[in-house]
C-alpha atoms as a PDB file:
ATOM      1  CA  UNK A   1     121.163  81.462  -2.800  1.00  0.00           C
ATOM      2  CA  UNK A   2     119.296  84.339  -5.416  1.00  0.00           C
ATOM      3  CA  UNK A   3     117.528  85.736  -2.291  1.00  0.00           C
ATOM      4  CA  UNK A   4     120.946  86.402  -0.423  1.00  0.00           C
ATOM      5  CA  UNK A   5     122.604  87.984  -3.397  1.00  0.00           C
ATOM      6  CA  UNK A   6     119.654  90.200  -3.981  1.00  0.00           C
ATOM      7  CA  UNK A   7     119.941  90.765  -0.149  1.00  0.00           C
ATOM      8  CA  UNK A   8     123.701  91.351  -0.664  1.00  0.00           C
ATOM      9  CA  UNK A   9     122.834  93.766  -3.432  1.00  0.00           C
ATOM     10  CA  UNK A  10     120.527  95.429  -1.403  1.00  0.00           C
ATOM     11  CA  UNK A  11     123.140  95.933   1.809  1.00  0.00           C
ATOM     12  CA  UNK A  12     125.621  97.664  -0.409  1.00  0.00           C
ATOM     13  CA  UNK A  13     122.685  99.934  -1.461  1.00  0.00           C
ATOM     14  CA  UNK A  14     121.469 100.689   1.768  1.00  0.00           C
ATOM     15  CA  UNK A  15     124.110 100.502   5.153  1.00  0.00           C
ATOM     16  CA  UNK A  16     122.363 100.137   8.121  1.00  0.00           C
ATOM     17  CA  UNK A  17     125.174 100.969  10.137  1.00  0.00           C
ATOM     18  CA  UNK A  18     125.400 104.211   8.599  1.00  0.00           C
ATOM     19  CA  UNK A  19     120.942 104.915   9.356  1.00  0.00           C
ATOM     20  CA  UNK A  20     120.395 108.568  10.514  1.00  0.00           C
ATOM     21  CA  UNK A  21     116.567 109.790  10.397  1.00  0.00           C
ATOM     22  CA  UNK A  22     117.139 113.481  11.479  1.00  0.00           C
ATOM     23  CA  UNK A  23     113.336 113.867  12.322  1.00  0.00           C
ATOM     24  CA  UNK A  24     113.109 111.113  14.884  1.00  0.00           C
ATOM     25  CA  UNK A  25     109.490 111.416  16.380  1.00  0.00           C
ATOM     26  CA  UNK A  26     108.770 115.134  14.888  1.00  0.00           C
ATOM     27  CA  UNK A  27     106.288 116.226  12.297  1.00  0.00           C
ATOM     28  CA  UNK A  28     108.923 117.279   9.806  1.00  0.00           C
ATOM     29  CA  UNK A  29     106.263 119.012   7.864  1.00  0.00           C
ATOM     30  CA  UNK A  30     105.714 121.401  10.657  1.00  0.00           C
ATOM     31  CA  UNK A  31     109.029 121.889  10.979  1.00  0.00           C
ATOM     32  CA  UNK A  32     109.754 122.682   7.891  1.00  0.00           C
ATOM     33  CA  UNK A  33     106.759 125.225   7.412  1.00  0.00           C
ATOM     34  CA  UNK A  34     107.690 126.947  10.970  1.00  0.00           C
ATOM     35  CA  UNK A  35     111.701 126.980   9.813  1.00  0.00           C
ATOM     36  CA  UNK A  36     114.200 129.992  10.405  1.00  0.00           C
ATOM     37  CA  UNK A  37     114.995 129.860   6.564  1.00  0.00           C
ATOM     38  CA  UNK A  38     117.716 132.301   6.897  1.00  0.00           C
ATOM     39  CA  UNK A  39     119.282 130.853   9.679  1.00  0.00           C
ATOM     40  CA  UNK A  40     118.925 127.274   8.412  1.00  0.00           C
ATOM     41  CA  UNK A  41     120.697 128.529   5.412  1.00  0.00           C
ATOM     42  CA  UNK A  42     123.869 130.065   7.045  1.00  0.00           C
ATOM     43  CA  UNK A  43     123.719 126.975   9.345  1.00  0.00           C
ATOM     44  CA  UNK A  44     123.727 124.658   6.016  1.00  0.00           C
ATOM     45  CA  UNK A  45     126.838 125.993   4.955  1.00  0.00           C
ATOM     46  CA  UNK A  46     128.572 125.421   8.361  1.00  0.00           C
ATOM     47  CA  UNK A  47     127.399 121.848   7.597  1.00  0.00           C
ATOM     48  CA  UNK A  48     124.669 121.536   9.630  1.00  0.00           C
ATOM     49  CA  UNK A  49     122.647 118.386   8.283  1.00  0.00           C
ATOM     50  CA  UNK A  50     119.128 119.438   9.609  1.00  0.00           C
ATOM     51  CA  UNK A  51     119.223 123.011   8.189  1.00  0.00           C
ATOM     52  CA  UNK A  52     120.960 121.320   5.196  1.00  0.00           C
ATOM     53  CA  UNK A  53     117.788 119.272   4.570  1.00  0.00           C
ATOM     54  CA  UNK A  54     115.467 122.211   5.175  1.00  0.00           C
ATOM     55  CA  UNK A  55     116.915 124.676   3.190  1.00  0.00           C
ATOM     56  CA  UNK A  56     117.038 121.449   0.222  1.00  0.00           C
ATOM     57  CA  UNK A  57     113.590 121.021   0.545  1.00  0.00           C
ATOM     58  CA  UNK A  58     112.445 124.738   0.574  1.00  0.00           C
ATOM     59  CA  UNK A  59     114.483 124.990  -2.439  1.00  0.00           C
ATOM     60  CA  UNK A  60     112.519 122.020  -3.927  1.00  0.00           C
ATOM     61  CA  UNK A  61     109.373 123.231  -3.095  1.00  0.00           C
ATOM     62  CA  UNK A  62     109.380 126.508  -2.402  1.00  0.00           C
ATOM     63  CA  UNK A  63     108.317 127.664   0.822  1.00  0.00           C
ATOM     64  CA  UNK A  64     105.866 130.553   0.578  1.00  0.00           C
ATOM     65  CA  UNK A  65     106.001 131.631   4.458  1.00  0.00           C
ATOM     66  CA  UNK A  66     109.721 132.878   3.816  1.00  0.00           C
ATOM     67  CA  UNK A  67     109.333 134.147   0.317  1.00  0.00           C
ATOM     68  CA  UNK A  68     111.519 131.087  -1.012  1.00  0.00           C
ATOM     69  CA  UNK A  69     110.675 130.596  -4.753  1.00  0.00           C
ATOM     70  CA  UNK A  70     111.440 126.928  -6.415  1.00  0.00           C
ATOM     71  CA  UNK A  71     114.968 126.414  -7.325  1.00  0.00           C
ATOM     72  CA  UNK A  72     115.317 122.643  -8.195  1.00  0.00           C
ATOM     73  CA  UNK A  73     118.966 122.984  -8.934  1.00  0.00           C
ATOM     74  CA  UNK A  74     119.522 124.357  -5.497  1.00  0.00           C
ATOM     75  CA  UNK A  75     117.305 122.251  -3.728  1.00  0.00           C
ATOM     76  CA  UNK A  76     119.243 119.200  -5.412  1.00  0.00           C
ATOM     77  CA  UNK A  77     122.703 120.234  -4.068  1.00  0.00           C
ATOM     78  CA  UNK A  78     121.460 121.021  -0.514  1.00  0.00           C
ATOM     79  CA  UNK A  79     120.098 117.384  -0.461  1.00  0.00           C
ATOM     80  CA  UNK A  80     122.974 115.922  -1.787  1.00  0.00           C
ATOM     81  CA  UNK A  81     124.759 117.747   0.903  1.00  0.00           C
ATOM     82  CA  UNK A  82     122.621 116.277   4.322  1.00  0.00           C
ATOM     83  CA  UNK A  83     122.306 112.573   1.926  1.00  0.00           C
ATOM     84  CA  UNK A  84     126.505 112.502   2.297  1.00  0.00           C
ATOM     85  CA  UNK A  85     126.209 113.032   5.641  1.00  0.00           C
ATOM     86  CA  UNK A  86     123.345 110.125   5.862  1.00  0.00           C
ATOM     87  CA  UNK A  87     120.330 111.562   6.349  1.00  0.00           C
ATOM     88  CA  UNK A  88     117.764 109.216   5.139  1.00  0.00           C
ATOM     89  CA  UNK A  89     114.801 111.929   4.900  1.00  0.00           C
ATOM     90  CA  UNK A  90     117.210 113.249   2.154  1.00  0.00           C
ATOM     91  CA  UNK A  91     117.504 110.172   0.135  1.00  0.00           C
ATOM     92  CA  UNK A  92     113.825 110.037  -0.065  1.00  0.00           C
ATOM     93  CA  UNK A  93     113.666 113.548  -1.306  1.00  0.00           C
ATOM     94  CA  UNK A  94     116.454 112.604  -4.190  1.00  0.00           C
ATOM     95  CA  UNK A  95     114.927 110.144  -5.026  1.00  0.00           C
ATOM     96  CA  UNK A  96     111.487 111.699  -5.839  1.00  0.00           C
ATOM     97  CA  UNK A  97     113.586 114.468  -7.814  1.00  0.00           C
ATOM     98  CA  UNK A  98     114.630 111.584 -10.348  1.00  0.00           C
ATOM     99  CA  UNK A  99     111.481 110.031 -10.203  1.00  0.00           C
ATOM    100  CA  UNK A 100     109.613 112.816 -11.224  1.00  0.00           C
ATOM    101  CA  UNK A 101     112.326 114.738 -12.898  1.00  0.00           C
ATOM    102  CA  UNK A 102     112.424 117.599 -10.654  1.00  0.00           C
ATOM    103  CA  UNK A 103     115.630 119.929 -12.845  1.00  0.00           C
ATOM    104  CA  UNK A 104     117.024 116.502 -13.871  1.00  0.00           C
ATOM    105  CA  UNK A 105     116.131 113.442 -16.061  1.00  0.00           C
ATOM    106  CA  UNK A 106     113.697 111.012 -14.939  1.00  0.00           C
ATOM    107  CA  UNK A 107     116.040 108.180 -14.108  1.00  0.00           C
ATOM    108  CA  UNK A 108     114.494 105.013 -12.358  1.00  0.00           C
ATOM    109  CA  UNK A 109     117.582 103.491 -11.600  1.00  0.00           C
ATOM    110  CA  UNK A 110     118.870 106.576  -9.149  1.00  0.00           C
ATOM    111  CA  UNK A 111     115.093 106.528  -7.834  1.00  0.00           C
ATOM    112  CA  UNK A 112     115.364 102.890  -6.752  1.00  0.00           C
ATOM    113  CA  UNK A 113     118.937 103.561  -5.285  1.00  0.00           C
ATOM    114  CA  UNK A 114     118.491 106.746  -3.110  1.00  0.00           C
ATOM    115  CA  UNK A 115     115.152 105.193  -1.913  1.00  0.00           C
ATOM    116  CA  UNK A 116     116.631 101.859  -1.316  1.00  0.00           C
ATOM    117  CA  UNK A 117     119.430 104.339   0.773  1.00  0.00           C
ATOM    118  CA  UNK A 118     116.391 106.022   2.117  1.00  0.00           C
ATOM    119  CA  UNK A 119     114.932 102.857   3.590  1.00  0.00           C
ATOM    120  CA  UNK A 120     118.270 101.134   4.613  1.00  0.00           C
ATOM    121  CA  UNK A 121     119.091 104.255   6.630  1.00  0.00           C
ATOM    122  CA  UNK A 122     115.397 103.447   8.547  1.00  0.00           C
ATOM    123  CA  UNK A 123     112.668 106.027   7.247  1.00  0.00           C
ATOM    124  CA  UNK A 124     109.549 104.085   7.640  1.00  0.00           C
ATOM    125  CA  UNK A 125     107.563 105.579   4.959  1.00  0.00           C
ATOM    126  CA  UNK A 126     110.437 104.843   2.573  1.00  0.00           C
ATOM    127  CA  UNK A 127     110.353 101.264   3.624  1.00  0.00           C
ATOM    128  CA  UNK A 128     106.546 100.973   2.704  1.00  0.00           C
ATOM    129  CA  UNK A 129     107.234 102.696  -0.245  1.00  0.00           C
ATOM    130  CA  UNK A 130     109.651  99.952  -0.914  1.00  0.00           C
ATOM    131  CA  UNK A 131     107.402  97.142  -0.471  1.00  0.00           C
ATOM    132  CA  UNK A 132     104.531  98.299  -2.622  1.00  0.00           C
ATOM    133  CA  UNK A 133     107.057  99.095  -5.404  1.00  0.00           C
ATOM    134  CA  UNK A 134     108.349  95.402  -5.714  1.00  0.00           C
ATOM    135  CA  UNK A 135     104.714  93.312  -4.632  1.00  0.00           C
ATOM    136  CA  UNK A 136     103.252  95.465  -7.735  1.00  0.00           C
ATOM    137  CA  UNK A 137     105.117  96.801  -9.778  1.00  0.00           C
ATOM    138  CA  UNK A 138     104.692 100.216 -11.100  1.00  0.00           C
ATOM    139  CA  UNK A 139     103.909 100.291 -15.071  1.00  0.00           C
ATOM    140  CA  UNK A 140     104.333 103.945 -15.409  1.00  0.00           C
ATOM    141  CA  UNK A 141     108.119 103.829 -14.114  1.00  0.00           C
ATOM    142  CA  UNK A 142     108.522 100.674 -16.050  1.00  0.00           C
ATOM    143  CA  UNK A 143     108.861  98.549 -13.200  1.00  0.00           C
ATOM    144  CA  UNK A 144     107.342  95.296 -12.570  1.00  0.00           C
ATOM    145  CA  UNK A 145     106.695  92.897  -9.500  1.00  0.00           C
ATOM    146  CA  UNK A 146     109.889  91.847  -7.909  1.00  0.00           C
ATOM    147  CA  UNK A 147     109.727  88.923  -5.857  1.00  0.00           C
ATOM    148  CA  UNK A 148     112.923  88.803  -4.377  1.00  0.00           C
ATOM    149  CA  UNK A 149     113.193  92.128  -2.912  1.00  0.00           C
ATOM    150  CA  UNK A 150     109.740  92.129  -2.200  1.00  0.00           C
ATOM    151  CA  UNK A 151     110.159  89.710   0.320  1.00  0.00           C
ATOM    152  CA  UNK A 152     113.397  91.576   1.236  1.00  0.00           C
ATOM    153  CA  UNK A 153     111.329  94.270   2.054  1.00  0.00           C
ATOM    154  CA  UNK A 154     108.702  92.266   3.474  1.00  0.00           C
ATOM    155  CA  UNK A 155     111.035  90.854   6.382  1.00  0.00           C
ATOM    156  CA  UNK A 156     112.430  94.385   7.069  1.00  0.00           C
ATOM    157  CA  UNK A 157     108.621  96.005   7.527  1.00  0.00           C
ATOM    158  CA  UNK A 158     107.582  93.218   9.895  1.00  0.00           C
ATOM    159  CA  UNK A 159     110.741  93.455  11.772  1.00  0.00           C
ATOM    160  CA  UNK A 160     109.734  97.226  12.478  1.00  0.00           C
ATOM    161  CA  UNK A 161     106.037  95.922  13.567  1.00  0.00           C
ATOM    162  CA  UNK A 162     103.872  96.558  10.623  1.00  0.00           C
ATOM    163  CA  UNK A 163     101.408  94.010  11.259  1.00  0.00           C
ATOM    164  CA  UNK A 164     100.399  93.648   7.893  1.00  0.00           C
ATOM    165  CA  UNK A 165     103.876  92.500   6.948  1.00  0.00           C
ATOM    166  CA  UNK A 166     103.894  89.797  10.045  1.00  0.00           C
ATOM    167  CA  UNK A 167     101.143  88.286   8.877  1.00  0.00           C
ATOM    168  CA  UNK A 168     101.938  88.364   4.799  1.00  0.00           C
ATOM    169  CA  UNK A 169     105.432  87.066   5.715  1.00  0.00           C
ATOM    170  CA  UNK A 170     103.149  84.155   7.588  1.00  0.00           C
ATOM    171  CA  UNK A 171     101.442  83.499   5.129  1.00  0.00           C
ATOM    172  CA  UNK A 172     104.544  82.957   3.004  1.00  0.00           C
ATOM    173  CA  UNK A 173     105.925  80.810   5.489  1.00  0.00           C
ATOM    174  CA  UNK A 174     102.398  78.508   5.844  1.00  0.00           C
ATOM    175  CA  UNK A 175     102.472  78.211   2.265  1.00  0.00           C
ATOM    176  CA  UNK A 176     106.081  77.873   1.212  1.00  0.00           C
ATOM    177  CA  UNK A 177     105.601  80.567  -1.214  1.00  0.00           C
ATOM    178  CA  UNK A 178     108.753  82.460  -2.361  1.00  0.00           C
ATOM    179  CA  UNK A 179     110.502  81.044   1.027  1.00  0.00           C
ATOM    180  CA  UNK A 180     110.640  77.033   2.520  1.00  0.00           C
ATOM    181  CA  UNK A 181     107.452  76.219   4.143  1.00  0.00           C
ATOM    182  CA  UNK A 182     107.667  76.508   7.892  1.00  0.00           C
ATOM    183  CA  UNK A 183     104.319  76.438   9.865  1.00  0.00           C
ATOM    184  CA  UNK A 184     106.587  77.077  13.463  1.00  0.00           C
ATOM    185  CA  UNK A 185     108.088  80.552  11.784  1.00  0.00           C
ATOM    186  CA  UNK A 186     104.362  81.366  10.049  1.00  0.00           C
ATOM    187  CA  UNK A 187     103.365  80.824  13.766  1.00  0.00           C
ATOM    188  CA  UNK A 188     105.760  82.879  15.072  1.00  0.00           C
ATOM    189  CA  UNK A 189     105.223  86.082  13.012  1.00  0.00           C
ATOM    190  CA  UNK A 190     101.276  85.757  13.591  1.00  0.00           C
ATOM    191  CA  UNK A 191     101.960  85.695  17.461  1.00  0.00           C
ATOM    192  CA  UNK A 192     103.724  88.592  16.841  1.00  0.00           C
ATOM    193  CA  UNK A 193     101.273  90.438  15.142  1.00  0.00           C
ATOM    194  CA  UNK A 194      98.194  89.073  17.663  1.00  0.00           C
ATOM    195  CA  UNK A 195     100.493  90.892  20.797  1.00  0.00           C
ATOM    196  CA  UNK A 196     100.376  94.178  18.890  1.00  0.00           C
ATOM    197  CA  UNK A 197      96.854  93.600  19.045  1.00  0.00           C
ATOM    198  CA  UNK A 198      96.220  92.781  15.199  1.00  0.00           C
ATOM    199  CA  UNK A 199      92.679  91.383  15.159  1.00  0.00           C
ATOM    200  CA  UNK A 200      93.297  89.345  11.333  1.00  0.00           C
ATOM    201  CA  UNK A 201      96.204  87.701  13.103  1.00  0.00           C
ATOM    202  CA  UNK A 202      94.450  86.684  15.937  1.00  0.00           C
ATOM    203  CA  UNK A 203      91.820  85.361  13.698  1.00  0.00           C
ATOM    204  CA  UNK A 204      94.534  83.335  11.858  1.00  0.00           C
ATOM    205  CA  UNK A 205      95.999  82.427  15.489  1.00  0.00           C
ATOM    206  CA  UNK A 206      92.458  80.649  16.196  1.00  0.00           C
ATOM    207  CA  UNK A 207      92.750  78.452  13.071  1.00  0.00           C
ATOM    208  CA  UNK A 208      96.402  76.939  14.861  1.00  0.00           C
ATOM    209  CA  UNK A 209      94.907  76.735  17.771  1.00  0.00           C
ATOM    210  CA  UNK A 210      91.786  75.116  16.557  1.00  0.00           C
ATOM    211  CA  UNK A 211      93.751  72.460  14.529  1.00  0.00           C
ATOM    212  CA  UNK A 212      96.828  71.804  16.564  1.00  0.00           C
ATOM    213  CA  UNK A 213      98.948  72.918  13.922  1.00  0.00           C
ATOM    214  CA  UNK A 214     102.642  73.706  15.390  1.00  0.00           C
ATOM    215  CA  UNK A 215     101.002  73.937  18.773  1.00  0.00           C
ATOM    216  CA  UNK A 216      98.958  71.356  20.946  1.00  0.00           C
ATOM    217  CA  UNK A 217      95.190  71.781  20.028  1.00  0.00           C
ATOM    218  CA  UNK A 218      93.519  74.104  22.651  1.00  0.00           C
ATOM    219  CA  UNK A 219      89.935  75.230  21.970  1.00  0.00           C
ATOM    220  CA  UNK A 220      90.168  77.458  24.753  1.00  0.00           C
ATOM    221  CA  UNK A 221      92.548  79.812  23.127  1.00  0.00           C
ATOM    222  CA  UNK A 222      91.202  79.132  19.607  1.00  0.00           C
ATOM    223  CA  UNK A 223      88.194  80.717  21.061  1.00  0.00           C
ATOM    224  CA  UNK A 224      89.669  83.344  22.971  1.00  0.00           C
ATOM    225  CA  UNK A 225      91.582  84.404  19.615  1.00  0.00           C
ATOM    226  CA  UNK A 226      88.381  84.068  17.349  1.00  0.00           C
ATOM    227  CA  UNK A 227      86.455  86.231  19.831  1.00  0.00           C
ATOM    228  CA  UNK A 228      88.999  89.012  20.001  1.00  0.00           C
ATOM    229  CA  UNK A 229      89.157  88.704  15.893  1.00  0.00           C
ATOM    230  CA  UNK A 230      85.849  90.329  16.067  1.00  0.00           C
ATOM    231  CA  UNK A 231      82.897  89.790  13.160  1.00  0.00           C
ATOM    232  CA  UNK A 232      84.635  88.070  10.610  1.00  0.00           C
ATOM    233  CA  UNK A 233      85.306  85.347  13.258  1.00  0.00           C
ATOM    234  CA  UNK A 234      81.710  85.092  14.853  1.00  0.00           C
ATOM    235  CA  UNK A 235      81.051  82.054  12.474  1.00  0.00           C
ATOM    236  CA  UNK A 236      84.928  79.972  13.538  1.00  0.00           C
ATOM    237  CA  UNK A 237      83.926  81.280  17.233  1.00  0.00           C
ATOM    238  CA  UNK A 238      80.582  79.129  17.763  1.00  0.00           C
ATOM    239  CA  UNK A 239      81.847  76.402  15.504  1.00  0.00           C
ATOM    240  CA  UNK A 240      84.190  76.015  18.087  1.00  0.00           C
ATOM    241  CA  UNK A 241      82.295  76.339  21.265  1.00  0.00           C
ATOM    242  CA  UNK A 242      80.448  73.156  20.167  1.00  0.00           C
ATOM    243  CA  UNK A 243      82.938  71.398  20.698  1.00  0.00           C
ATOM    244  CA  UNK A 244      83.581  72.797  24.043  1.00  0.00           C
ATOM    245  CA  UNK A 245      82.209  72.507  27.432  1.00  0.00           C
ATOM    246  CA  UNK A 246      80.575  75.308  29.580  1.00  0.00           C
ATOM    247  CA  UNK A 247      83.498  75.899  31.696  1.00  0.00           C
ATOM    248  CA  UNK A 248      85.383  75.958  28.601  1.00  0.00           C
ATOM    249  CA  UNK A 249      83.659  78.882  26.795  1.00  0.00           C
ATOM    250  CA  UNK A 250      83.701  80.660  30.136  1.00  0.00           C
ATOM    251  CA  UNK A 251      87.134  80.713  30.421  1.00  0.00           C
ATOM    252  CA  UNK A 252      87.728  81.567  26.703  1.00  0.00           C
ATOM    253  CA  UNK A 253      85.257  84.166  27.687  1.00  0.00           C
ATOM    254  CA  UNK A 254      86.952  85.316  30.511  1.00  0.00           C
ATOM    255  CA  UNK A 255      90.834  85.292  29.081  1.00  0.00           C
ATOM    256  CA  UNK A 256      89.306  87.563  26.029  1.00  0.00           C
ATOM    257  CA  UNK A 257      87.878  90.190  28.148  1.00  0.00           C
ATOM    258  CA  UNK A 258      90.775  90.182  30.251  1.00  0.00           C
ATOM    259  CA  UNK A 259      92.608  91.321  27.216  1.00  0.00           C
ATOM    260  CA  UNK A 260      90.131  93.671  25.929  1.00  0.00           C
ATOM    261  CA  UNK A 261      90.761  94.906  29.487  1.00  0.00           C
ATOM    262  CA  UNK A 262      94.631  95.520  29.839  1.00  0.00           C
ATOM    263  CA  UNK A 263      94.928  96.883  26.483  1.00  0.00           C
ATOM    264  CA  UNK A 264      91.912  98.916  26.318  1.00  0.00           C
ATOM    265  CA  UNK A 265      90.553  97.822  23.102  1.00  0.00           C
ATOM    266  CA  UNK A 266      87.109  97.358  22.689  1.00  0.00           C
ATOM    267  CA  UNK A 267      85.134  94.140  20.270  1.00  0.00           C
ATOM    268  CA  UNK A 268      81.709  94.836  20.052  1.00  0.00           C
ATOM    269  CA  UNK A 269      81.023  91.554  19.146  1.00  0.00           C
ATOM    270  CA  UNK A 270      83.121  89.769  21.576  1.00  0.00           C
ATOM    271  CA  UNK A 271      81.372  87.951  24.367  1.00  0.00           C
ATOM    272  CA  UNK A 272      83.730  89.552  27.040  1.00  0.00           C
ATOM    273  CA  UNK A 273      81.301  92.399  26.549  1.00  0.00           C
ATOM    274  CA  UNK A 274      78.204  90.786  26.777  1.00  0.00           C
ATOM    275  CA  UNK A 275      75.445  91.177  29.720  1.00  0.00           C
ATOM    276  CA  UNK A 276      74.845  88.132  31.655  1.00  0.00           C
ATOM    277  CA  UNK A 277      71.031  88.816  33.171  1.00  0.00           C
ATOM    278  CA  UNK A 278      72.276  88.454  36.747  1.00  0.00           C
ATOM    279  CA  UNK A 279      69.689  85.996  38.021  1.00  0.00           C
ATOM    280  CA  UNK A 280      71.366  83.762  35.703  1.00  0.00           C
ATOM    281  CA  UNK A 281      75.177  84.540  36.838  1.00  0.00           C
ATOM    282  CA  UNK A 282      75.007  83.008  39.711  1.00  0.00           C
ATOM    283  CA  UNK A 283      74.324  79.297  38.411  1.00  0.00           C
ATOM    284  CA  UNK A 284      76.569  79.673  35.520  1.00  0.00           C
ATOM    285  CA  UNK A 285      80.011  80.716  37.353  1.00  0.00           C
ATOM    286  CA  UNK A 286      81.481  78.830  39.758  1.00  0.00           C
ATOM    287  CA  UNK A 287      80.547  80.648  43.153  1.00  0.00           C
ATOM    288  CA  UNK A 288      84.054  81.972  43.720  1.00  0.00           C
ATOM    289  CA  UNK A 289      83.425  83.540  39.866  1.00  0.00           C
ATOM    290  CA  UNK A 290      80.384  84.780  40.569  1.00  0.00           C
ATOM    291  CA  UNK A 291      81.391  88.078  42.657  1.00  0.00           C
ATOM    292  CA  UNK A 292      84.012  88.495  39.890  1.00  0.00           C
ATOM    293  CA  UNK A 293      81.457  88.316  37.068  1.00  0.00           C
ATOM    294  CA  UNK A 294      79.052  90.752  38.605  1.00  0.00           C
ATOM    295  CA  UNK A 295      81.846  92.996  39.172  1.00  0.00           C
ATOM    296  CA  UNK A 296      83.672  92.698  35.553  1.00  0.00           C
ATOM    297  CA  UNK A 297      80.150  93.223  34.005  1.00  0.00           C
ATOM    298  CA  UNK A 298      79.655  96.478  36.425  1.00  0.00           C
ATOM    299  CA  UNK A 299      82.869  97.601  34.619  1.00  0.00           C
ATOM    300  CA  UNK A 300      82.058  96.838  31.387  1.00  0.00           C
ATOM    301  CA  UNK A 301      78.577  98.929  31.250  1.00  0.00           C
ATOM    302  CA  UNK A 302      80.259 102.314  32.569  1.00  0.00           C
ATOM    303  CA  UNK A 303      83.473 102.026  30.495  1.00  0.00           C
ATOM    304  CA  UNK A 304      81.197 101.092  27.257  1.00  0.00           C
ATOM    305  CA  UNK A 305      78.109 102.276  28.580  1.00  0.00           C
ATOM    306  CA  UNK A 306      74.693  99.602  28.534  1.00  0.00           C
ATOM    307  CA  UNK A 307      73.812 100.097  24.533  1.00  0.00           C
ATOM    308  CA  UNK A 308      76.863  99.034  23.437  1.00  0.00           C
ATOM    309  CA  UNK A 309      76.962  95.741  25.609  1.00  0.00           C
ATOM    310  CA  UNK A 310      74.767  92.529  23.847  1.00  0.00           C
ATOM    311  CA  UNK A 311      73.663  90.021  25.673  1.00  0.00           C
ATOM    312  CA  UNK A 312      75.346  86.774  26.300  1.00  0.00           C
ATOM    313  CA  UNK A 313      74.359  83.694  24.494  1.00  0.00           C
ATOM    314  CA  UNK A 314      72.450  81.164  26.379  1.00  0.00           C
ATOM    315  CA  UNK A 315      74.174  78.529  27.194  1.00  0.00           C
ATOM    316  CA  UNK A 316      72.781  76.829  29.980  1.00  0.00           C
ATOM    317  CA  UNK A 317      72.444  73.152  30.497  1.00  0.00           C
END
């Protein structure tokens, strides 16, 4: 109930329905430095929100290329104009103004409010800042950690596709820390990070498949995930392999290699990238798979070079 109340407050401060990033997919620093300041000033006076932001930022920090000197008051004015039109980037700059006292007295309440506005309007950098702020606190600002706000922004950034947030949210659901324990939700968030090829999430998924938590125990998938997870999971991968048949290990390695090939990603420690001696391929494979193994091995060596391919462990009976 408390979390719902906190979320309601944050949503009031951050009206997502009015979300607006005015530099979607652009390199803002380059746009800032290459701007035609005089032209933008004229546009700003006519109500152009991008121009208002750029002019405000030019006054706030100065713009040597156009001989614009720092004027915090003018900078704040134009940024407030841009924020009034919903510009997330402008809210972020206003947060900095009140955090650092740029032409105004420091005001931490306004800093939080404006940063929440920027985050609520979709600015990813603001969301990451809020996540760190409420997780760790900031003694210099007199702010301590805030569990409820942290969980709110943790879920927001997880939905944004930040794999670190996906993993941390999964851990919270797994442990029941701050949230009701829910292994199904934990696994769901892990797998969303796995699909983004996050190696730490793949290690976590390996444990779920190995132990049969929420999902049916599947040693082939467990081995595959540990193989994809890199050097940190070699020990777990080899422990699982001891409980598998040779055919199961071969299938897991094949799946790992297919994953890496499809995503053009490479794990030096992966058994999917090892080299089977040519004279072992026939007796290590089903006959119909021997040709495929030879072809895959040839492609691996062409892509990664023979120096990056290690020898497969000998599992021959």
